[in-house]
Each structure stands twice: as C-alpha cells, then as structure tokens.
PDB file of N, CA and C in Angstrom:
ATOM      1  N   UNK A   1     -31.458  -0.759  -8.379  1.00  0.00           N
ATOM      2  CA  UNK A   1     -31.171  -1.648  -7.069  1.00  0.00           C
ATOM      3  C   UNK A   1     -29.709  -2.372  -7.359  1.00  0.00           C
ATOM      4  N   UNK A   2     -28.789  -2.344  -6.499  1.00  0.00           N
ATOM      5  CA  UNK A   2     -27.522  -2.877  -6.610  1.00  0.00           C
ATOM      6  C   UNK A   2     -27.735  -4.370  -6.555  1.00  0.00           C
ATOM      7  N   UNK A   3     -26.502  -5.066  -7.384  1.00  0.00           N
ATOM      8  CA  UNK A   3     -26.518  -6.397  -7.185  1.00  0.00           C
ATOM      9  C   UNK A   3     -26.636  -7.251  -5.663  1.00  0.00           C
ATOM     10  N   UNK A   4     -25.983  -6.345  -4.930  1.00  0.00           N
ATOM     11  CA  UNK A   4     -26.036  -6.912  -3.371  1.00  0.00           C
ATOM     12  C   UNK A   4     -27.498  -7.222  -2.963  1.00  0.00           C
ATOM     13  N   UNK A   5     -28.027  -5.812  -3.145  1.00  0.00           N
ATOM     14  CA  UNK A   5     -29.468  -5.688  -2.733  1.00  0.00           C
ATOM     15  C   UNK A   5     -30.446  -6.940  -3.351  1.00  0.00           C
ATOM     16  N   UNK A   6     -30.513  -7.114  -4.777  1.00  0.00           N
ATOM     17  CA  UNK A   6     -31.081  -8.225  -5.312  1.00  0.00           C
ATOM     18  C   UNK A   6     -30.776  -9.512  -4.667  1.00  0.00           C
ATOM     19  N   UNK A   7     -29.519  -9.808  -4.376  1.00  0.00           N
ATOM     20  CA  UNK A   7     -28.951 -11.081  -4.013  1.00  0.00           C
ATOM     21  C   UNK A   7     -29.621 -11.211  -2.480  1.00  0.00           C
ATOM     22  N   UNK A   8     -29.362 -10.064  -1.765  1.00  0.00           N
ATOM     23  CA  UNK A   8     -30.056 -10.262  -0.187  1.00  0.00           C
ATOM     24  C   UNK A   8     -31.488 -10.330  -0.176  1.00  0.00           C
ATOM     25  N   UNK A   9     -32.163  -9.606  -1.097  1.00  0.00           N
ATOM     26  CA  UNK A   9     -33.669  -9.688  -1.243  1.00  0.00           C
ATOM     27  C   UNK A   9     -34.124 -11.169  -1.637  1.00  0.00           C
ATOM     28  N   UNK A  10     -33.441 -11.492  -2.599  1.00  0.00           N
ATOM     29  CA  UNK A  10     -33.999 -13.124  -3.051  1.00  0.00           C
ATOM     30  C   UNK A  10     -33.771 -14.113  -1.868  1.00  0.00           C
ATOM     31  N   UNK A  11     -32.441 -14.153  -1.256  1.00  0.00           N
ATOM     32  CA  UNK A  11     -32.089 -15.003  -0.306  1.00  0.00           C
ATOM     33  C   UNK A  11     -33.011 -14.726   0.838  1.00  0.00           C
ATOM     34  N   UNK A  12     -33.317 -13.302   1.572  1.00  0.00           N
ATOM     35  CA  UNK A  12     -33.921 -13.345   2.620  1.00  0.00           C
ATOM     36  C   UNK A  12     -35.434 -13.633   2.413  1.00  0.00           C
ATOM     37  N   UNK A  13     -35.985 -13.559   0.966  1.00  0.00           N
ATOM     38  CA  UNK A  13     -37.421 -13.821   0.899  1.00  0.00           C
ATOM     39  C   UNK A  13     -37.320 -15.603   0.301  1.00  0.00           C
ATOM     40  N   UNK A  14     -36.142 -16.047   0.445  1.00  0.00           N
ATOM     41  CA  UNK A  14     -36.072 -17.323  -0.020  1.00  0.00           C
ATOM     42  C   UNK A  14     -36.761 -17.860  -1.266  1.00  0.00           C
ATOM     43  N   UNK A  15     -36.436 -16.737  -2.304  1.00  0.00           N
ATOM     44  CA  UNK A  15     -36.975 -17.017  -3.460  1.00  0.00           C
ATOM     45  C   UNK A  15     -35.895 -17.398  -4.636  1.00  0.00           C
ATOM     46  N   UNK A  16     -35.887 -18.481  -4.828  1.00  0.00           N
ATOM     47  CA  UNK A  16     -34.947 -19.078  -5.793  1.00  0.00           C
ATOM     48  C   UNK A  16     -35.144 -18.873  -7.221  1.00  0.00           C
ATOM     49  N   UNK A  17     -36.472 -18.720  -7.810  1.00  0.00           N
ATOM     50  CA  UNK A  17     -36.656 -18.204  -9.015  1.00  0.00           C
ATOM     51  C   UNK A  17     -36.082 -16.676  -9.118  1.00  0.00           C
ATOM     52  N   UNK A  18     -36.249 -15.740  -8.084  1.00  0.00           N
ATOM     53  CA  UNK A  18     -35.651 -14.390  -8.390  1.00  0.00           C
ATOM     54  C   UNK A  18     -34.066 -14.445  -8.367  1.00  0.00           C
ATOM     55  N   UNK A  19     -33.580 -15.500  -7.597  1.00  0.00           N
ATOM     56  CA  UNK A  19     -32.184 -15.514  -7.342  1.00  0.00           C
ATOM     57  C   UNK A  19     -31.783 -16.134  -8.893  1.00  0.00           C
ATOM     58  N   UNK A  20     -32.351 -17.066  -9.562  1.00  0.00           N
ATOM     59  CA  UNK A  20     -31.941 -17.715 -10.830  1.00  0.00           C
ATOM     60  C   UNK A  20     -32.008 -16.632 -11.781  1.00  0.00           C
ATOM     61  N   UNK A  21     -32.932 -15.574 -11.664  1.00  0.00           N
ATOM     62  CA  UNK A  21     -32.943 -14.569 -12.688  1.00  0.00           C
ATOM     63  C   UNK A  21     -31.903 -13.930 -12.843  1.00  0.00           C
ATOM     64  N   UNK A  22     -31.075 -13.843 -11.592  1.00  0.00           N
ATOM     65  CA  UNK A  22     -29.829 -12.905 -11.624  1.00  0.00           C
ATOM     66  C   UNK A  22     -28.590 -13.523 -12.220  1.00  0.00           C
ATOM     67  N   UNK A  23     -28.622 -14.915 -12.375  1.00  0.00           N
ATOM     68  CA  UNK A  23     -27.706 -15.717 -13.115  1.00  0.00           C
ATOM     69  C   UNK A  23     -27.474 -15.895 -14.614  1.00  0.00           C
ATOM     70  N   UNK A  24     -26.353 -15.569 -15.077  1.00  0.00           N
ATOM     71  CA  UNK A  24     -26.067 -15.414 -16.676  1.00  0.00           C
ATOM     72  C   UNK A  24     -26.280 -17.047 -16.979  1.00  0.00           C
ATOM     73  N   UNK A  25     -26.713 -16.889 -18.408  1.00  0.00           N
ATOM     74  CA  UNK A  25     -26.891 -18.257 -18.669  1.00  0.00           C
ATOM     75  C   UNK A  25     -25.603 -19.279 -18.826  1.00  0.00           C
ATOM     76  N   UNK A  26     -24.571 -18.624 -19.124  1.00  0.00           N
ATOM     77  CA  UNK A  26     -23.209 -19.660 -18.874  1.00  0.00           C
ATOM     78  C   UNK A  26     -22.507 -19.559 -17.340  1.00  0.00           C
ATOM     79  N   UNK A  27     -23.545 -19.255 -16.448  1.00  0.00           N
ATOM     80  CA  UNK A  27     -23.034 -19.173 -15.015  1.00  0.00           C
ATOM     81  C   UNK A  27     -22.413 -20.330 -14.640  1.00  0.00           C
ATOM     82  N   UNK A  28     -21.177 -20.100 -13.886  1.00  0.00           N
ATOM     83  CA  UNK A  28     -20.413 -21.364 -13.165  1.00  0.00           C
ATOM     84  C   UNK A  28     -20.292 -20.902 -11.749  1.00  0.00           C
ATOM     85  N   UNK A  29     -20.756 -21.975 -10.769  1.00  0.00           N
ATOM     86  CA  UNK A  29     -20.415 -22.023  -9.336  1.00  0.00           C
ATOM     87  C   UNK A  29     -19.193 -22.707  -9.133  1.00  0.00           C
ATOM     88  N   UNK A  30     -18.053 -22.271  -8.604  1.00  0.00           N
ATOM     89  CA  UNK A  30     -17.013 -23.058  -8.103  1.00  0.00           C
ATOM     90  C   UNK A  30     -17.336 -23.397  -6.400  1.00  0.00           C
ATOM     91  N   UNK A  31     -17.505 -24.699  -6.153  1.00  0.00           N
ATOM     92  CA  UNK A  31     -17.750 -25.026  -5.053  1.00  0.00           C
ATOM     93  C   UNK A  31     -16.513 -25.114  -4.073  1.00  0.00           C
ATOM     94  N   UNK A  32     -16.530 -24.694  -3.044  1.00  0.00           N
ATOM     95  CA  UNK A  32     -15.439 -24.333  -2.000  1.00  0.00           C
ATOM     96  C   UNK A  32     -15.333 -25.690  -1.399  1.00  0.00           C
ATOM     97  N   UNK A  33     -16.319 -26.583  -1.262  1.00  0.00           N
ATOM     98  CA  UNK A  33     -15.896 -28.011  -0.456  1.00  0.00           C
ATOM     99  C   UNK A  33     -15.137 -28.897  -1.174  1.00  0.00           C
ATOM    100  N   UNK A  34     -15.306 -28.922  -2.452  1.00  0.00           N
ATOM    101  CA  UNK A  34     -14.403 -29.772  -3.131  1.00  0.00           C
ATOM    102  C   UNK A  34     -13.772 -29.422  -4.331  1.00  0.00           C
ATOM    103  N   UNK A  35     -13.966 -28.244  -4.746  1.00  0.00           N
ATOM    104  CA  UNK A  35     -13.358 -27.655  -6.139  1.00  0.00           C
ATOM    105  C   UNK A  35     -14.050 -27.934  -7.278  1.00  0.00           C
ATOM    106  N   UNK A  36     -15.193 -28.746  -7.111  1.00  0.00           N
ATOM    107  CA  UNK A  36     -15.934 -28.971  -8.374  1.00  0.00           C
ATOM    108  C   UNK A  36     -16.459 -27.711  -8.676  1.00  0.00           C
ATOM    109  N   UNK A  37     -17.512 -27.629 -10.144  1.00  0.00           N
ATOM    110  CA  UNK A  37     -18.005 -26.761 -10.476  1.00  0.00           C
ATOM    111  C   UNK A  37     -19.482 -27.210 -10.881  1.00  0.00           C
ATOM    112  N   UNK A  38     -20.489 -26.221 -11.023  1.00  0.00           N
ATOM    113  CA  UNK A  38     -21.893 -26.326 -11.031  1.00  0.00           C
ATOM    114  C   UNK A  38     -22.456 -25.148 -12.184  1.00  0.00           C
ATOM    115  N   UNK A  39     -23.061 -25.747 -13.204  1.00  0.00           N
ATOM    116  CA  UNK A  39     -23.745 -24.810 -13.917  1.00  0.00           C
ATOM    117  C   UNK A  39     -24.974 -24.161 -13.500  1.00  0.00           C
ATOM    118  N   UNK A  40     -25.589 -23.398 -14.254  1.00  0.00           N
ATOM    119  CA  UNK A  40     -26.829 -22.594 -13.849  1.00  0.00           C
ATOM    120  C   UNK A  40     -27.793 -23.518 -13.431  1.00  0.00           C
ATOM    121  N   UNK A  41     -28.383 -24.556 -13.968  1.00  0.00           N
ATOM    122  CA  UNK A  41     -29.455 -25.458 -13.920  1.00  0.00           C
ATOM    123  C   UNK A  41     -29.057 -26.225 -12.579  1.00  0.00           C
ATOM    124  N   UNK A  42     -27.984 -26.644 -12.444  1.00  0.00           N
ATOM    125  CA  UNK A  42     -27.430 -27.386 -11.091  1.00  0.00           C
ATOM    126  C   UNK A  42     -27.448 -26.425  -9.722  1.00  0.00           C
ATOM    127  N   UNK A  43     -26.942 -25.306  -9.968  1.00  0.00           N
ATOM    128  CA  UNK A  43     -26.931 -24.215  -8.946  1.00  0.00           C
ATOM    129  C   UNK A  43     -28.360 -23.948  -8.544  1.00  0.00           C
ATOM    130  N   UNK A  44     -29.334 -23.587  -9.507  1.00  0.00           N
ATOM    131  CA  UNK A  44     -30.434 -23.388  -9.098  1.00  0.00           C
ATOM    132  C   UNK A  44     -31.321 -24.672  -8.595  1.00  0.00           C
ATOM    133  N   UNK A  45     -30.991 -25.851  -8.841  1.00  0.00           N
ATOM    134  CA  UNK A  45     -31.566 -26.887  -8.168  1.00  0.00           C
ATOM    135  C   UNK A  45     -31.191 -26.813  -6.696  1.00  0.00           C
ATOM    136  N   UNK A  46     -29.645 -26.763  -6.669  1.00  0.00           N
ATOM    137  CA  UNK A  46     -29.384 -26.598  -4.972  1.00  0.00           C
ATOM    138  C   UNK A  46     -29.993 -25.426  -4.233  1.00  0.00           C
ATOM    139  N   UNK A  47     -30.164 -24.096  -5.023  1.00  0.00           N
ATOM    140  CA  UNK A  47     -30.887 -23.058  -4.197  1.00  0.00           C
ATOM    141  C   UNK A  47     -31.962 -23.537  -3.921  1.00  0.00           C
ATOM    142  N   UNK A  48     -32.889 -23.920  -4.747  1.00  0.00           N
ATOM    143  CA  UNK A  48     -34.445 -24.535  -4.431  1.00  0.00           C
ATOM    144  C   UNK A  48     -34.446 -25.318  -2.919  1.00  0.00           C
ATOM    145  N   UNK A  49     -33.438 -26.465  -2.902  1.00  0.00           N
ATOM    146  CA  UNK A  49     -33.349 -27.171  -1.566  1.00  0.00           C
ATOM    147  C   UNK A  49     -32.916 -26.353  -0.674  1.00  0.00           C
ATOM    148  N   UNK A  50     -31.947 -25.413  -0.633  1.00  0.00           N
ATOM    149  CA  UNK A  50     -31.387 -24.830   0.339  1.00  0.00           C
ATOM    150  C   UNK A  50     -32.424 -23.726   0.817  1.00  0.00           C
ATOM    151  N   UNK A  51     -33.395 -23.116  -0.132  1.00  0.00           N
ATOM    152  CA  UNK A  51     -34.132 -22.077   0.323  1.00  0.00           C
ATOM    153  C   UNK A  51     -35.621 -22.644   0.521  1.00  0.00           C
ATOM    154  N   UNK A  52     -35.809 -23.827   0.225  1.00  0.00           N
ATOM    155  CA  UNK A  52     -37.210 -24.402   0.746  1.00  0.00           C
ATOM    156  C   UNK A  52     -37.337 -24.266   2.250  1.00  0.00           C
ATOM    157  N   UNK A  53     -38.713 -24.625   2.690  1.00  0.00           N
ATOM    158  CA  UNK A  53     -39.079 -24.814   4.185  1.00  0.00           C
ATOM    159  C   UNK A  53     -38.283 -25.897   4.709  1.00  0.00           C
ATOM    160  N   UNK A  54     -37.390 -25.566   5.904  1.00  0.00           N
ATOM    161  CA  UNK A  54     -36.614 -26.302   6.352  1.00  0.00           C
ATOM    162  C   UNK A  54     -35.097 -26.521   5.873  1.00  0.00           C
ATOM    163  N   UNK A  55     -35.138 -25.673   4.928  1.00  0.00           N
ATOM    164  CA  UNK A  55     -33.765 -25.710   4.192  1.00  0.00           C
ATOM    165  C   UNK A  55     -32.680 -24.784   5.135  1.00  0.00           C
ATOM    166  N   UNK A  56     -31.617 -24.519   4.522  1.00  0.00           N
ATOM    167  CA  UNK A  56     -30.572 -23.742   5.295  1.00  0.00           C
ATOM    168  C   UNK A  56     -30.830 -22.204   5.558  1.00  0.00           C
ATOM    169  N   UNK A  57     -30.591 -21.756   6.780  1.00  0.00           N
ATOM    170  CA  UNK A  57     -30.588 -20.373   7.164  1.00  0.00           C
ATOM    171  C   UNK A  57     -29.465 -19.545   6.583  1.00  0.00           C
ATOM    172  N   UNK A  58     -29.755 -18.861   5.579  1.00  0.00           N
ATOM    173  CA  UNK A  58     -28.361 -18.203   4.823  1.00  0.00           C
ATOM    174  C   UNK A  58     -27.881 -17.013   5.490  1.00  0.00           C
ATOM    175  N   UNK A  59     -28.396 -16.738   6.843  1.00  0.00           N
ATOM    176  CA  UNK A  59     -27.918 -15.527   7.439  1.00  0.00           C
ATOM    177  C   UNK A  59     -27.979 -14.206   7.003  1.00  0.00           C
ATOM    178  N   UNK A  60     -27.716 -13.406   7.930  1.00  0.00           N
ATOM    179  CA  UNK A  60     -27.598 -11.981   7.442  1.00  0.00           C
ATOM    180  C   UNK A  60     -26.444 -11.753   6.473  1.00  0.00           C
ATOM    181  N   UNK A  61     -26.766 -10.904   5.316  1.00  0.00           N
ATOM    182  CA  UNK A  61     -25.548 -10.728   4.446  1.00  0.00           C
ATOM    183  C   UNK A  61     -25.113  -9.541   4.532  1.00  0.00           C
ATOM    184  N   UNK A  62     -23.916  -9.270   4.081  1.00  0.00           N
ATOM    185  CA  UNK A  62     -23.027  -8.165   4.400  1.00  0.00           C
ATOM    186  C   UNK A  62     -22.183  -7.792   3.266  1.00  0.00           C
ATOM    187  N   UNK A  63     -22.366  -6.762   2.658  1.00  0.00           N
ATOM    188  CA  UNK A  63     -21.591  -6.458   1.357  1.00  0.00           C
ATOM    189  C   UNK A  63     -20.217  -5.903   1.869  1.00  0.00           C
ATOM    190  N   UNK A  64     -19.275  -6.748   1.297  1.00  0.00           N
ATOM    191  CA  UNK A  64     -17.907  -6.237   1.536  1.00  0.00           C
ATOM    192  C   UNK A  64     -17.170  -5.423   0.615  1.00  0.00           C
ATOM    193  N   UNK A  65     -17.900  -5.446  -0.563  1.00  0.00           N
ATOM    194  CA  UNK A  65     -17.395  -4.459  -1.586  1.00  0.00           C
ATOM    195  C   UNK A  65     -18.200  -5.012  -2.917  1.00  0.00           C
ATOM    196  N   UNK A  66     -18.594  -3.821  -3.589  1.00  0.00           N
ATOM    197  CA  UNK A  66     -19.220  -3.971  -5.084  1.00  0.00           C
ATOM    198  C   UNK A  66     -19.047  -3.064  -5.853  1.00  0.00           C
ATOM    199  N   UNK A  67     -18.581  -3.224  -7.241  1.00  0.00           N
ATOM    200  CA  UNK A  67     -18.467  -2.296  -7.961  1.00  0.00           C
ATOM    201  C   UNK A  67     -19.424  -2.943  -9.343  1.00  0.00           C
ATOM    202  N   UNK A  68     -19.273  -2.606 -10.826  1.00  0.00           N
ATOM    203  CA  UNK A  68     -20.088  -3.281 -11.822  1.00  0.00           C
ATOM    204  C   UNK A  68     -19.435  -4.583 -12.325  1.00  0.00           C
ATOM    205  N   UNK A  69     -18.113  -5.054 -11.763  1.00  0.00           N
ATOM    206  CA  UNK A  69     -17.648  -6.236 -12.133  1.00  0.00           C
ATOM    207  C   UNK A  69     -17.266  -7.197 -11.047  1.00  0.00           C
ATOM    208  N   UNK A  70     -17.736  -7.018  -9.862  1.00  0.00           N
ATOM    209  CA  UNK A  70     -17.671  -7.759  -8.635  1.00  0.00           C
ATOM    210  C   UNK A  70     -18.456  -7.547  -7.458  1.00  0.00           C
ATOM    211  N   UNK A  71     -18.940  -8.426  -6.862  1.00  0.00           N
ATOM    212  CA  UNK A  71     -19.627  -8.141  -5.663  1.00  0.00           C
ATOM    213  C   UNK A  71     -19.072  -9.257  -4.703  1.00  0.00           C
ATOM    214  N   UNK A  72     -18.431  -8.920  -3.517  1.00  0.00           N
ATOM    215  CA  UNK A  72     -17.967  -9.826  -2.466  1.00  0.00           C
ATOM    216  C   UNK A  72     -18.997  -9.340  -1.011  1.00  0.00           C
ATOM    217  N   UNK A  73     -19.387 -10.725  -0.623  1.00  0.00           N
ATOM    218  CA  UNK A  73     -20.453 -10.482   0.502  1.00  0.00           C
ATOM    219  C   UNK A  73     -19.985 -11.433   1.428  1.00  0.00           C
ATOM    220  N   UNK A  74     -20.258 -11.373   2.825  1.00  0.00           N
ATOM    221  CA  UNK A  74     -20.172 -12.274   3.768  1.00  0.00           C
ATOM    222  C   UNK A  74     -21.519 -12.658   4.182  1.00  0.00           C
ATOM    223  N   UNK A  75     -21.584 -13.761   5.033  1.00  0.00           N
ATOM    224  CA  UNK A  75     -22.754 -14.388   5.713  1.00  0.00           C
ATOM    225  C   UNK A  75     -22.407 -15.628   6.545  1.00  0.00           C
ATOM    226  N   UNK A  76     -23.067 -15.682   7.823  1.00  0.00           N
ATOM    227  CA  UNK A  76     -23.109 -16.834   8.298  1.00  0.00           C
ATOM    228  C   UNK A  76     -24.187 -17.614   8.258  1.00  0.00           C
ATOM    229  N   UNK A  77     -23.950 -19.033   7.876  1.00  0.00           N
ATOM    230  CA  UNK A  77     -25.096 -19.842   7.434  1.00  0.00           C
ATOM    231  C   UNK A  77     -25.253 -20.931   8.379  1.00  0.00           C
ATOM    232  N   UNK A  78     -26.280 -21.374   8.448  1.00  0.00           N
ATOM    233  CA  UNK A  78     -26.766 -22.341   9.575  1.00  0.00           C
ATOM    234  C   UNK A  78     -27.604 -23.544   8.617  1.00  0.00           C
ATOM    235  N   UNK A  79     -27.000 -24.566   8.788  1.00  0.00           N
ATOM    236  CA  UNK A  79     -27.500 -25.860   7.911  1.00  0.00           C
ATOM    237  C   UNK A  79     -28.561 -26.902   8.747  1.00  0.00           C
ATOM    238  N   UNK A  80     -29.349 -27.500   7.920  1.00  0.00           N
ATOM    239  CA  UNK A  80     -30.166 -28.316   8.518  1.00  0.00           C
ATOM    240  C   UNK A  80     -29.629 -29.340   9.436  1.00  0.00           C
ATOM    241  N   UNK A  81     -28.231 -29.879   9.135  1.00  0.00           N
ATOM    242  CA  UNK A  81     -27.524 -30.735   9.903  1.00  0.00           C
ATOM    243  C   UNK A  81     -26.917 -30.247  11.088  1.00  0.00           C
ATOM    244  N   UNK A  82     -27.236 -28.928  11.256  1.00  0.00           N
ATOM    245  CA  UNK A  82     -26.555 -28.402  12.505  1.00  0.00           C
ATOM    246  C   UNK A  82     -25.215 -27.579  12.530  1.00  0.00           C
ATOM    247  N   UNK A  83     -24.608 -27.686  11.335  1.00  0.00           N
ATOM    248  CA  UNK A  83     -23.450 -27.101  11.177  1.00  0.00           C
ATOM    249  C   UNK A  83     -23.608 -25.649  10.844  1.00  0.00           C
ATOM    250  N   UNK A  84     -22.755 -24.906  11.038  1.00  0.00           N
ATOM    251  CA  UNK A  84     -22.571 -23.398  10.756  1.00  0.00           C
ATOM    252  C   UNK A  84     -21.255 -23.227  10.062  1.00  0.00           C
ATOM    253  N   UNK A  85     -21.376 -22.206   9.087  1.00  0.00           N
ATOM    254  CA  UNK A  85     -19.989 -21.911   8.194  1.00  0.00           C
ATOM    255  C   UNK A  85     -20.223 -20.154   8.298  1.00  0.00           C
ATOM    256  N   UNK A  86     -18.971 -19.723   8.239  1.00  0.00           N
ATOM    257  CA  UNK A  86     -18.922 -17.971   7.651  1.00  0.00           C
ATOM    258  C   UNK A  86     -18.423 -18.325   6.308  1.00  0.00           C
ATOM    259  N   UNK A  87     -19.319 -17.665   5.481  1.00  0.00           N
ATOM    260  CA  UNK A  87     -18.958 -17.947   3.965  1.00  0.00           C
ATOM    261  C   UNK A  87     -18.757 -16.661   3.501  1.00  0.00           C
ATOM    262  N   UNK A  88     -17.504 -16.387   2.636  1.00  0.00           N
ATOM    263  CA  UNK A  88     -16.960 -15.239   1.801  1.00  0.00           C
ATOM    264  C   UNK A  88     -17.621 -15.773   0.439  1.00  0.00           C
ATOM    265  N   UNK A  89     -17.988 -14.816  -0.225  1.00  0.00           N
ATOM    266  CA  UNK A  89     -18.680 -15.203  -1.652  1.00  0.00           C
ATOM    267  C   UNK A  89     -18.273 -14.094  -2.458  1.00  0.00           C
ATOM    268  N   UNK A  90     -17.446 -14.531  -3.532  1.00  0.00           N
ATOM    269  CA  UNK A  90     -17.180 -13.517  -4.735  1.00  0.00           C
ATOM    270  C   UNK A  90     -17.905 -13.907  -6.092  1.00  0.00           C
ATOM    271  N   UNK A  91     -18.625 -12.813  -6.407  1.00  0.00           N
ATOM    272  CA  UNK A  91     -19.601 -12.837  -7.420  1.00  0.00           C
ATOM    273  C   UNK A  91     -18.653 -12.066  -8.703  1.00  0.00           C
ATOM    274  N   UNK A  92     -18.526 -12.601  -9.858  1.00  0.00           N
ATOM    275  CA  UNK A  92     -18.017 -11.865 -10.932  1.00  0.00           C
ATOM    276  C   UNK A  92     -19.256 -11.576 -11.868  1.00  0.00           C
ATOM    277  N   UNK A  93     -19.365 -10.124 -12.087  1.00  0.00           N
ATOM    278  CA  UNK A  93     -20.694  -9.677 -12.675  1.00  0.00           C
ATOM    279  C   UNK A  93     -20.232  -9.215 -14.254  1.00  0.00           C
ATOM    280  N   UNK A  94     -21.147  -9.429 -14.945  1.00  0.00           N
ATOM    281  CA  UNK A  94     -21.162  -8.979 -16.251  1.00  0.00           C
ATOM    282  C   UNK A  94     -22.561  -8.604 -16.957  1.00  0.00           C
ATOM    283  N   UNK A  95     -22.628  -7.424 -17.489  1.00  0.00           N
ATOM    284  CA  UNK A  95     -23.999  -6.875 -18.107  1.00  0.00           C
ATOM    285  C   UNK A  95     -25.234  -7.038 -17.274  1.00  0.00           C
ATOM    286  N   UNK A  96     -24.759  -6.819 -15.893  1.00  0.00           N
ATOM    287  CA  UNK A  96     -25.754  -6.691 -15.121  1.00  0.00           C
ATOM    288  C   UNK A  96     -26.470  -8.381 -14.562  1.00  0.00           C
ATOM    289  N   UNK A  97     -25.528  -9.428 -14.821  1.00  0.00           N
ATOM    290  CA  UNK A  97     -25.844 -10.654 -14.476  1.00  0.00           C
ATOM    291  C   UNK A  97     -24.588 -11.215 -13.406  1.00  0.00           C
ATOM    292  N   UNK A  98     -24.662 -12.333 -12.691  1.00  0.00           N
ATOM    293  CA  UNK A  98     -23.934 -13.073 -12.193  1.00  0.00           C
ATOM    294  C   UNK A  98     -23.407 -14.014 -12.991  1.00  0.00           C
ATOM    295  N   UNK A  99     -22.084 -13.906 -13.443  1.00  0.00           N
ATOM    296  CA  UNK A  99     -21.126 -14.739 -14.510  1.00  0.00           C
ATOM    297  C   UNK A  99     -20.543 -16.053 -13.720  1.00  0.00           C
ATOM    298  N   UNK A 100     -19.970 -15.739 -12.451  1.00  0.00           N
ATOM    299  CA  UNK A 100     -19.265 -16.713 -11.707  1.00  0.00           C
ATOM    300  C   UNK A 100     -19.527 -16.442 -10.258  1.00  0.00           C
ATOM    301  N   UNK A 101     -19.490 -17.568  -9.550  1.00  0.00           N
ATOM    302  CA  UNK A 101     -19.359 -17.505  -8.255  1.00  0.00           C
ATOM    303  C   UNK A 101     -18.555 -18.477  -7.497  1.00  0.00           C
ATOM    304  N   UNK A 102     -17.783 -18.071  -6.463  1.00  0.00           N
ATOM    305  CA  UNK A 102     -16.773 -18.639  -5.767  1.00  0.00           C
ATOM    306  C   UNK A 102     -16.748 -18.199  -4.333  1.00  0.00           C
ATOM    307  N   UNK A 103     -16.788 -19.358  -3.587  1.00  0.00           N
ATOM    308  CA  UNK A 103     -16.985 -19.229  -2.262  1.00  0.00           C
ATOM    309  C   UNK A 103     -15.702 -19.877  -1.292  1.00  0.00           C
ATOM    310  N   UNK A 104     -15.649 -19.284  -0.392  1.00  0.00           N
ATOM    311  CA  UNK A 104     -14.734 -19.749   0.671  1.00  0.00           C
ATOM    312  C   UNK A 104     -15.600 -20.152   1.994  1.00  0.00           C
ATOM    313  N   UNK A 105     -15.572 -21.048   2.904  1.00  0.00           N
ATOM    314  CA  UNK A 105     -16.168 -21.104   4.033  1.00  0.00           C
ATOM    315  C   UNK A 105     -15.219 -21.581   5.063  1.00  0.00           C
ATOM    316  N   UNK A 106     -15.559 -21.269   6.334  1.00  0.00           N
ATOM    317  CA  UNK A 106     -15.090 -21.768   7.455  1.00  0.00           C
ATOM    318  C   UNK A 106     -16.012 -22.260   8.549  1.00  0.00           C
ATOM    319  N   UNK A 107     -16.037 -23.559   8.957  1.00  0.00           N
ATOM    320  CA  UNK A 107     -16.710 -24.130   9.607  1.00  0.00           C
ATOM    321  C   UNK A 107     -16.782 -23.310  11.125  1.00  0.00           C
ATOM    322  N   UNK A 108     -17.792 -23.234  11.902  1.00  0.00           N
ATOM    323  CA  UNK A 108     -17.738 -22.452  13.016  1.00  0.00           C
ATOM    324  C   UNK A 108     -18.320 -23.486  13.934  1.00  0.00           C
ATOM    325  N   UNK A 109     -18.190 -23.425  15.550  1.00  0.00           N
ATOM    326  CA  UNK A 109     -18.612 -24.106  16.140  1.00  0.00           C
ATOM    327  C   UNK A 109     -20.183 -23.818  16.403  1.00  0.00           C
ATOM    328  N   UNK A 110     -20.804 -25.086  16.711  1.00  0.00           N
ATOM    329  CA  UNK A 110     -22.361 -25.112  16.939  1.00  0.00           C
ATOM    330  C   UNK A 110     -22.806 -24.766  18.167  1.00  0.00           C
TER     331      UNK A 110
END
C-alpha cells in the first residue's frame, strides 16, 4: 500500500492512531498558519481533536505526486467553525515513514 493510500485510509476512517503510526519519531509539522513547528506528540494531539466526532471534515484526498521521498496531496477541508480551506500538503518520506509535513492553505468562501 502506498503512503498516499495509508494517509487517505487513516483520514477517511478518522483513525488518529493509524495516522500516528505513519509518523517518524522525529517528525516535524510546519504549520502554514503561523510558520511554527509541531513535533509528533503535538501533531497527534491535534489530529485526535480534528478526527474526533464533530471535528474537521478532512475532505476527499487527491494524490498530486508520490515517490519514495515525497508525497504531495490536495484536499478541501471543512472546519467546525464553518470555514473551508483548499490544502496542499507536502510530506517528506524516509524509510517508509513521514519525516516532515508542510502545508499551504487557501481560504475558500463558505
């Protein structure tokens, strides 16, 4: 199963634990909103909130490009506060794990 398929499955099933298993121990998430970084445990806590009942609708995922080093995907996300974003995510991969994630988002009309 490709990394895209694993990410999409964990997201569709709202399974934060399965998503966490894909992350390297030294994983870093660069947040597009403010340029800050989050480590694995901080990211997993965020994913648990987003994937919980009543959390964000992470939308249909589309693989833009994938090889052994990088996964680029696109989605439209709907958030509990009524906002929507088009999100482009770049995952740096190493040894079958996600090492780094950087996102860019564009606000969409609701």
